[in-house]
Amino acid sequence: MKAVILECPDWVNVVAVTPEKRVLIVQQYRIGVGRTTLEIPAGIVEPGEAPEQAAIRELREETGFTATRWKYLGWVETNSAFLNNRCHQWLALDVVKTAVPELDEGEEITVAELSLEEIRAEIEQGTMRNSLSLLSLARVFDLRV
């Protein structure tokens, strides 16, 4: 049996909610689909880094926001057909802007704060389609994705 297995580091996804109950959404160009996508903050767990540390770092680097209240939502297999990694999902509550984003080279990210109704509209219109973002959001909110 021939198989292709991509060995990838674990990932983190962060559902970040402001005190006003708005959710941070990032817009960024994704080469895989050739367009700008709407997603939640996310990224790679660096070698030697715990998933919680990665979530805290990615939220701060991509958005400039930080949180003092965190809840672990568990992990999922990203695509067990050919990927060997996990995506750890986090809920960050009462996030506030405390810094300037520190984007990686080549990253261009726009941050928006959307209400739950606006997120539902983006999903219904098909403008928010990242499966791991949708799963993380569905774990927090009653979303039909």
N, C-alpha and C. Protein backbone atom coordinates (compact mmCIF):
# COMPACT_ATOMS: atom_id res chain seq x y z
N MET A 1 0.85 -1.19 0.00
CA MET A 1 0.00 0.00 0.00
C MET A 1 0.88 1.24 0.00
N LYS A 2 0.64 2.12 -0.94
CA LYS A 2 1.36 3.39 -1.00
C LYS A 2 0.56 4.44 -0.25
N ALA A 3 1.28 5.28 0.47
CA ALA A 3 0.61 6.35 1.20
C ALA A 3 1.53 7.55 1.30
N VAL A 4 0.94 8.70 1.29
CA VAL A 4 1.67 9.95 1.52
C VAL A 4 1.24 10.46 2.89
N ILE A 5 2.22 10.65 3.75
CA ILE A 5 1.93 11.20 5.07
C ILE A 5 2.74 12.48 5.23
N LEU A 6 2.07 13.56 5.50
CA LEU A 6 2.74 14.82 5.76
C LEU A 6 2.97 14.95 7.25
N GLU A 7 4.22 15.06 7.64
CA GLU A 7 4.55 15.24 9.04
C GLU A 7 4.57 16.73 9.33
N CYS A 8 3.64 17.16 10.16
CA CYS A 8 3.47 18.58 10.47
C CYS A 8 3.52 18.79 11.97
N PRO A 9 4.00 19.95 12.39
CA PRO A 9 3.88 20.27 13.82
C PRO A 9 2.42 20.48 14.18
N ASP A 10 2.10 20.37 15.46
CA ASP A 10 0.75 20.66 15.91
C ASP A 10 0.42 22.13 15.66
N TRP A 11 -0.86 22.42 15.59
CA TRP A 11 -1.36 23.76 15.37
C TRP A 11 -2.21 24.18 16.56
N VAL A 12 -2.48 25.47 16.66
CA VAL A 12 -3.43 26.01 17.63
C VAL A 12 -4.42 26.92 16.92
N ASN A 13 -5.65 26.92 17.39
CA ASN A 13 -6.69 27.85 16.96
C ASN A 13 -7.20 28.56 18.19
N VAL A 14 -7.49 29.86 18.06
CA VAL A 14 -7.95 30.65 19.22
C VAL A 14 -9.24 31.37 18.87
N VAL A 15 -10.29 31.06 19.63
CA VAL A 15 -11.53 31.83 19.58
C VAL A 15 -11.34 32.92 20.63
N ALA A 16 -11.12 34.14 20.17
CA ALA A 16 -10.80 35.26 21.07
C ALA A 16 -12.01 36.19 21.15
N VAL A 17 -12.53 36.37 22.38
CA VAL A 17 -13.75 37.14 22.59
C VAL A 17 -13.44 38.36 23.45
N THR A 18 -13.87 39.54 22.96
CA THR A 18 -13.65 40.79 23.69
C THR A 18 -14.66 40.92 24.84
N PRO A 19 -14.44 41.86 25.76
CA PRO A 19 -15.44 42.10 26.83
C PRO A 19 -16.81 42.49 26.27
N GLU A 20 -16.83 43.04 25.05
CA GLU A 20 -18.10 43.43 24.40
C GLU A 20 -18.72 42.26 23.65
N LYS A 21 -18.15 41.05 23.80
CA LYS A 21 -18.66 39.82 23.17
C LYS A 21 -18.50 39.82 21.66
N ARG A 22 -17.44 40.47 21.18
CA ARG A 22 -17.10 40.43 19.76
C ARG A 22 -15.93 39.46 19.59
N VAL A 23 -15.88 38.80 18.45
CA VAL A 23 -14.88 37.76 18.20
C VAL A 23 -13.84 38.30 17.22
N LEU A 24 -12.56 38.06 17.53
CA LEU A 24 -11.49 38.49 16.63
C LEU A 24 -11.42 37.56 15.43
N ILE A 25 -11.41 38.16 14.26
CA ILE A 25 -11.29 37.44 13.00
C ILE A 25 -10.11 38.03 12.25
N VAL A 26 -9.32 37.16 11.63
CA VAL A 26 -8.19 37.64 10.83
C VAL A 26 -8.46 37.36 9.35
N GLN A 27 -8.08 38.32 8.54
CA GLN A 27 -8.15 38.18 7.08
C GLN A 27 -6.73 38.08 6.59
N GLN A 28 -6.46 37.03 5.81
CA GLN A 28 -5.12 36.90 5.25
C GLN A 28 -5.15 36.08 3.97
N TYR A 29 -4.20 36.39 3.09
CA TYR A 29 -4.11 35.66 1.83
C TYR A 29 -3.56 34.27 2.10
N ARG A 30 -4.22 33.26 1.52
CA ARG A 30 -3.79 31.87 1.66
C ARG A 30 -3.46 31.32 0.28
N ILE A 31 -2.21 30.94 0.12
CA ILE A 31 -1.72 30.47 -1.18
C ILE A 31 -2.42 29.19 -1.62
N GLY A 32 -2.80 28.33 -0.67
CA GLY A 32 -3.44 27.07 -1.03
C GLY A 32 -4.74 27.23 -1.79
N VAL A 33 -5.51 28.26 -1.46
CA VAL A 33 -6.78 28.51 -2.14
C VAL A 33 -6.70 29.73 -3.07
N GLY A 34 -5.58 30.44 -3.02
CA GLY A 34 -5.37 31.56 -3.91
C GLY A 34 -6.26 32.76 -3.65
N ARG A 35 -6.64 32.97 -2.40
CA ARG A 35 -7.49 34.11 -2.08
C ARG A 35 -7.34 34.48 -0.60
N THR A 36 -7.92 35.63 -0.25
CA THR A 36 -7.94 36.07 1.14
C THR A 36 -9.06 35.34 1.86
N THR A 37 -8.74 34.83 3.05
CA THR A 37 -9.71 34.07 3.83
C THR A 37 -10.04 34.79 5.13
N LEU A 38 -11.16 34.41 5.72
CA LEU A 38 -11.54 34.86 7.06
C LEU A 38 -11.35 33.68 7.99
N GLU A 39 -10.58 33.86 9.05
CA GLU A 39 -10.27 32.79 9.98
C GLU A 39 -10.18 33.37 11.38
N ILE A 40 -10.03 32.48 12.35
CA ILE A 40 -9.70 32.92 13.69
C ILE A 40 -8.18 32.88 13.82
N PRO A 41 -7.60 33.57 14.78
CA PRO A 41 -6.15 33.51 14.96
C PRO A 41 -5.69 32.06 15.16
N ALA A 42 -4.59 31.72 14.51
CA ALA A 42 -4.10 30.34 14.54
C ALA A 42 -2.63 30.31 14.18
N GLY A 43 -2.00 29.18 14.43
CA GLY A 43 -0.61 29.04 14.04
C GLY A 43 0.00 27.74 14.51
N ILE A 44 1.29 27.65 14.30
CA ILE A 44 2.06 26.44 14.58
C ILE A 44 2.56 26.45 16.01
N VAL A 45 2.56 25.27 16.61
CA VAL A 45 3.21 25.08 17.91
C VAL A 45 4.70 24.88 17.61
N GLU A 46 5.53 25.78 18.10
CA GLU A 46 6.97 25.72 17.84
C GLU A 46 7.60 24.58 18.65
N PRO A 47 8.75 24.05 18.20
CA PRO A 47 9.43 22.97 18.94
C PRO A 47 9.69 23.38 20.39
N GLY A 48 9.35 22.49 21.32
CA GLY A 48 9.56 22.76 22.73
C GLY A 48 8.51 23.63 23.38
N GLU A 49 7.55 24.08 22.62
CA GLU A 49 6.51 24.98 23.12
C GLU A 49 5.25 24.18 23.46
N ALA A 50 4.62 24.50 24.57
CA ALA A 50 3.35 23.88 24.93
C ALA A 50 2.23 24.52 24.10
N PRO A 51 1.18 23.77 23.78
CA PRO A 51 0.08 24.35 23.01
C PRO A 51 -0.50 25.63 23.61
N GLU A 52 -0.62 25.71 24.94
CA GLU A 52 -1.14 26.93 25.56
C GLU A 52 -0.22 28.11 25.29
N GLN A 53 1.08 27.90 25.39
CA GLN A 53 2.04 28.98 25.10
C GLN A 53 1.92 29.42 23.65
N ALA A 54 1.74 28.46 22.75
CA ALA A 54 1.59 28.78 21.32
C ALA A 54 0.33 29.61 21.08
N ALA A 55 -0.76 29.25 21.76
CA ALA A 55 -2.01 30.00 21.59
C ALA A 55 -1.85 31.44 22.06
N ILE A 56 -1.23 31.61 23.22
CA ILE A 56 -0.99 32.95 23.76
C ILE A 56 -0.12 33.76 22.81
N ARG A 57 0.95 33.14 22.32
CA ARG A 57 1.88 33.81 21.41
C ARG A 57 1.22 34.17 20.08
N GLU A 58 0.51 33.21 19.49
CA GLU A 58 -0.11 33.46 18.18
C GLU A 58 -1.17 34.57 18.27
N LEU A 59 -1.96 34.56 19.33
CA LEU A 59 -2.96 35.62 19.49
C LEU A 59 -2.28 36.99 19.55
N ARG A 60 -1.23 37.09 20.36
CA ARG A 60 -0.51 38.36 20.51
C ARG A 60 0.18 38.76 19.20
N GLU A 61 0.87 37.81 18.55
CA GLU A 61 1.62 38.14 17.33
C GLU A 61 0.69 38.55 16.18
N GLU A 62 -0.40 37.82 15.99
CA GLU A 62 -1.27 38.08 14.85
C GLU A 62 -2.19 39.28 15.05
N THR A 63 -2.58 39.55 16.31
CA THR A 63 -3.60 40.56 16.55
C THR A 63 -3.17 41.70 17.46
N GLY A 64 -2.17 41.47 18.31
CA GLY A 64 -1.80 42.45 19.32
C GLY A 64 -2.68 42.37 20.56
N PHE A 65 -3.58 41.38 20.61
CA PHE A 65 -4.48 41.21 21.74
C PHE A 65 -3.92 40.16 22.70
N THR A 66 -4.26 40.32 23.98
CA THR A 66 -3.91 39.34 25.00
C THR A 66 -5.14 39.07 25.87
N ALA A 67 -5.07 37.97 26.62
CA ALA A 67 -6.18 37.58 27.49
C ALA A 67 -5.64 37.05 28.80
N THR A 68 -6.41 37.20 29.84
CA THR A 68 -6.03 36.64 31.14
C THR A 68 -6.84 35.39 31.44
N ARG A 69 -7.92 35.16 30.71
CA ARG A 69 -8.77 33.98 30.92
C ARG A 69 -8.73 33.08 29.69
N TRP A 70 -8.27 31.86 29.90
CA TRP A 70 -8.14 30.89 28.83
C TRP A 70 -8.86 29.61 29.19
N LYS A 71 -9.46 28.97 28.19
CA LYS A 71 -10.08 27.66 28.39
C LYS A 71 -9.67 26.76 27.24
N TYR A 72 -9.18 25.57 27.59
CA TYR A 72 -8.80 24.58 26.58
C TYR A 72 -10.04 23.85 26.10
N LEU A 73 -10.23 23.80 24.77
CA LEU A 73 -11.40 23.17 24.19
C LEU A 73 -11.12 21.77 23.66
N GLY A 74 -9.88 21.32 23.79
CA GLY A 74 -9.50 19.99 23.29
C GLY A 74 -8.78 20.08 21.96
N TRP A 75 -8.47 18.92 21.41
CA TRP A 75 -7.76 18.86 20.14
C TRP A 75 -8.51 17.98 19.15
N VAL A 76 -8.23 18.22 17.88
CA VAL A 76 -8.77 17.39 16.79
C VAL A 76 -7.64 17.01 15.86
N GLU A 77 -7.85 15.92 15.14
CA GLU A 77 -6.91 15.54 14.08
C GLU A 77 -7.21 16.44 12.89
N THR A 78 -6.18 17.05 12.33
CA THR A 78 -6.41 18.05 11.27
C THR A 78 -6.94 17.42 9.99
N ASN A 79 -6.36 16.35 9.56
CA ASN A 79 -6.85 15.55 8.42
C ASN A 79 -6.12 14.22 8.50
N SER A 80 -6.73 13.27 9.18
CA SER A 80 -6.07 12.00 9.47
C SER A 80 -5.82 11.15 8.23
N ALA A 81 -6.30 11.57 7.07
CA ALA A 81 -6.02 10.84 5.83
C ALA A 81 -4.55 10.95 5.43
N PHE A 82 -3.92 12.09 5.72
CA PHE A 82 -2.52 12.25 5.32
C PHE A 82 -1.70 13.18 6.21
N LEU A 83 -2.30 13.78 7.22
CA LEU A 83 -1.56 14.63 8.16
C LEU A 83 -1.46 13.93 9.50
N ASN A 84 -0.33 14.10 10.17
CA ASN A 84 -0.12 13.40 11.44
C ASN A 84 -0.19 14.32 12.66
N ASN A 85 -0.74 15.51 12.50
CA ASN A 85 -0.72 16.48 13.60
C ASN A 85 -2.09 16.70 14.21
N ARG A 86 -2.08 17.48 15.27
CA ARG A 86 -3.29 17.85 15.99
C ARG A 86 -3.48 19.36 15.93
N CYS A 87 -4.74 19.78 16.05
CA CYS A 87 -5.06 21.19 16.19
C CYS A 87 -5.67 21.37 17.57
N HIS A 88 -4.97 22.10 18.43
CA HIS A 88 -5.43 22.38 19.78
C HIS A 88 -6.30 23.64 19.73
N GLN A 89 -7.48 23.56 20.32
CA GLN A 89 -8.43 24.66 20.25
C GLN A 89 -8.56 25.33 21.61
N TRP A 90 -8.52 26.67 21.58
CA TRP A 90 -8.54 27.47 22.81
C TRP A 90 -9.60 28.55 22.73
N LEU A 91 -10.15 28.88 23.88
CA LEU A 91 -11.05 30.02 24.03
C LEU A 91 -10.34 31.04 24.90
N ALA A 92 -10.17 32.25 24.37
CA ALA A 92 -9.56 33.36 25.11
C ALA A 92 -10.66 34.38 25.39
N LEU A 93 -10.87 34.66 26.67
CA LEU A 93 -11.97 35.55 27.07
C LEU A 93 -11.45 36.91 27.53
N ASP A 94 -12.27 37.93 27.30
CA ASP A 94 -11.95 39.30 27.71
C ASP A 94 -10.64 39.78 27.10
N VAL A 95 -10.45 39.51 25.81
CA VAL A 95 -9.21 39.92 25.15
C VAL A 95 -9.19 41.43 24.96
N VAL A 96 -8.01 42.01 25.13
CA VAL A 96 -7.83 43.45 24.94
C VAL A 96 -6.56 43.68 24.14
N LYS A 97 -6.57 44.77 23.41
CA LYS A 97 -5.39 45.12 22.61
C LYS A 97 -4.33 45.70 23.54
N THR A 98 -3.17 45.06 23.56
CA THR A 98 -2.10 45.49 24.45
C THR A 98 -0.79 45.73 23.72
N ALA A 99 -0.73 45.40 22.43
CA ALA A 99 0.53 45.51 21.70
C ALA A 99 0.25 45.69 20.22
N VAL A 100 1.30 45.91 19.49
CA VAL A 100 1.23 45.97 18.03
C VAL A 100 1.48 44.55 17.51
N PRO A 101 0.72 44.09 16.51
CA PRO A 101 0.98 42.75 15.98
C PRO A 101 2.43 42.60 15.52
N GLU A 102 2.96 41.40 15.67
CA GLU A 102 4.33 41.06 15.24
C GLU A 102 4.23 39.98 14.18
N LEU A 103 3.99 40.39 12.95
CA LEU A 103 3.74 39.44 11.88
C LEU A 103 5.03 38.81 11.36
N ASP A 104 4.92 37.55 10.94
CA ASP A 104 6.05 36.86 10.32
C ASP A 104 6.31 37.47 8.94
N GLU A 105 7.50 37.26 8.43
CA GLU A 105 7.85 37.76 7.11
C GLU A 105 6.86 37.20 6.08
N GLY A 106 6.31 38.06 5.26
CA GLY A 106 5.36 37.64 4.23
C GLY A 106 3.92 37.59 4.70
N GLU A 107 3.69 37.72 6.00
CA GLU A 107 2.32 37.73 6.52
C GLU A 107 1.72 39.12 6.39
N GLU A 108 0.53 39.17 5.88
CA GLU A 108 -0.25 40.41 5.85
C GLU A 108 -1.61 40.06 6.41
N ILE A 109 -1.88 40.55 7.60
CA ILE A 109 -3.10 40.18 8.31
C ILE A 109 -3.88 41.44 8.68
N THR A 110 -5.17 41.40 8.44
CA THR A 110 -6.08 42.44 8.90
C THR A 110 -6.95 41.83 9.99
N VAL A 111 -7.09 42.53 11.10
CA VAL A 111 -7.87 42.04 12.23
C VAL A 111 -9.21 42.77 12.28
N ALA A 112 -10.27 42.01 12.49
CA ALA A 112 -11.61 42.59 12.65
C ALA A 112 -12.25 42.00 13.89
N GLU A 113 -13.16 42.77 14.46
CA GLU A 113 -13.97 42.29 15.59
C GLU A 113 -15.40 42.16 15.09
N LEU A 114 -15.90 40.92 15.06
CA LEU A 114 -17.24 40.67 14.54
C LEU A 114 -18.17 40.18 15.64
N SER A 115 -19.42 40.55 15.52
CA SER A 115 -20.44 40.01 16.43
C SER A 115 -20.76 38.58 15.99
N LEU A 116 -21.43 37.85 16.84
CA LEU A 116 -21.83 36.50 16.49
C LEU A 116 -22.75 36.51 15.27
N GLU A 117 -23.62 37.50 15.18
CA GLU A 117 -24.52 37.61 14.03
C GLU A 117 -23.73 37.85 12.74
N GLU A 118 -22.69 38.68 12.82
CA GLU A 118 -21.86 38.93 11.64
C GLU A 118 -21.09 37.68 11.23
N ILE A 119 -20.64 36.91 12.20
CA ILE A 119 -19.95 35.65 11.89
C ILE A 119 -20.91 34.68 11.21
N ARG A 120 -22.12 34.57 11.74
CA ARG A 120 -23.13 33.71 11.12
C ARG A 120 -23.37 34.13 9.67
N ALA A 121 -23.45 35.43 9.41
CA ALA A 121 -23.68 35.92 8.05
C ALA A 121 -22.51 35.56 7.14
N GLU A 122 -21.28 35.70 7.63
CA GLU A 122 -20.10 35.35 6.82
C GLU A 122 -20.11 33.86 6.47
N ILE A 123 -20.52 33.03 7.43
CA ILE A 123 -20.60 31.59 7.17
C ILE A 123 -21.69 31.30 6.14
N GLU A 124 -22.86 31.89 6.33
CA GLU A 124 -23.99 31.67 5.41
C GLU A 124 -23.68 32.16 4.01
N GLN A 125 -22.92 33.26 3.89
CA GLN A 125 -22.56 33.80 2.58
C GLN A 125 -21.42 33.02 1.94
N GLY A 126 -20.79 32.15 2.70
CA GLY A 126 -19.69 31.35 2.15
C GLY A 126 -18.36 32.07 2.14
N THR A 127 -18.25 33.18 2.84
CA THR A 127 -16.98 33.90 2.88
C THR A 127 -16.07 33.41 4.00
N MET A 128 -16.62 32.66 4.95
CA MET A 128 -15.82 32.05 6.00
C MET A 128 -15.96 30.54 5.85
N ARG A 129 -14.86 29.88 5.38
CA ARG A 129 -14.93 28.46 5.05
C ARG A 129 -13.81 27.62 5.65
N ASN A 130 -12.91 28.23 6.40
CA ASN A 130 -11.81 27.45 6.97
C ASN A 130 -12.38 26.44 7.96
N SER A 131 -12.19 25.16 7.67
CA SER A 131 -12.86 24.11 8.46
C SER A 131 -12.45 24.12 9.93
N LEU A 132 -11.19 24.32 10.22
CA LEU A 132 -10.76 24.31 11.61
C LEU A 132 -11.26 25.54 12.37
N SER A 133 -11.34 26.68 11.68
CA SER A 133 -11.93 27.87 12.31
C SER A 133 -13.40 27.63 12.61
N LEU A 134 -14.12 27.06 11.65
CA LEU A 134 -15.54 26.81 11.84
C LEU A 134 -15.77 25.82 12.98
N LEU A 135 -14.94 24.79 13.06
CA LEU A 135 -15.09 23.82 14.14
C LEU A 135 -14.85 24.47 15.50
N SER A 136 -13.79 25.27 15.61
CA SER A 136 -13.50 25.94 16.88
C SER A 136 -14.63 26.87 17.27
N LEU A 137 -15.14 27.65 16.32
CA LEU A 137 -16.26 28.55 16.60
C LEU A 137 -17.50 27.77 17.01
N ALA A 138 -17.76 26.64 16.35
CA ALA A 138 -18.93 25.84 16.67
C ALA A 138 -18.82 25.23 18.07
N ARG A 139 -17.60 24.98 18.52
CA ARG A 139 -17.43 24.44 19.87
C ARG A 139 -17.78 25.48 20.94
N VAL A 140 -17.70 26.74 20.58
CA VAL A 140 -17.97 27.82 21.53
C VAL A 140 -19.39 28.34 21.39
N PHE A 141 -19.86 28.50 20.16
CA PHE A 141 -21.16 29.10 19.89
C PHE A 141 -22.09 28.08 19.23
N ASP A 142 -23.36 28.32 19.30
CA ASP A 142 -24.35 27.46 18.65
C ASP A 142 -24.43 27.86 17.18
N LEU A 143 -23.45 27.36 16.41
CA LEU A 143 -23.40 27.68 14.98
C LEU A 143 -23.76 26.46 14.17
N ARG A 144 -24.50 26.66 13.13
CA ARG A 144 -24.79 25.56 12.20
C ARG A 144 -23.83 25.71 11.04
N VAL A 145 -22.79 24.89 11.05
CA VAL A 145 -21.75 24.99 10.00
C VAL A 145 -21.78 23.78 9.10
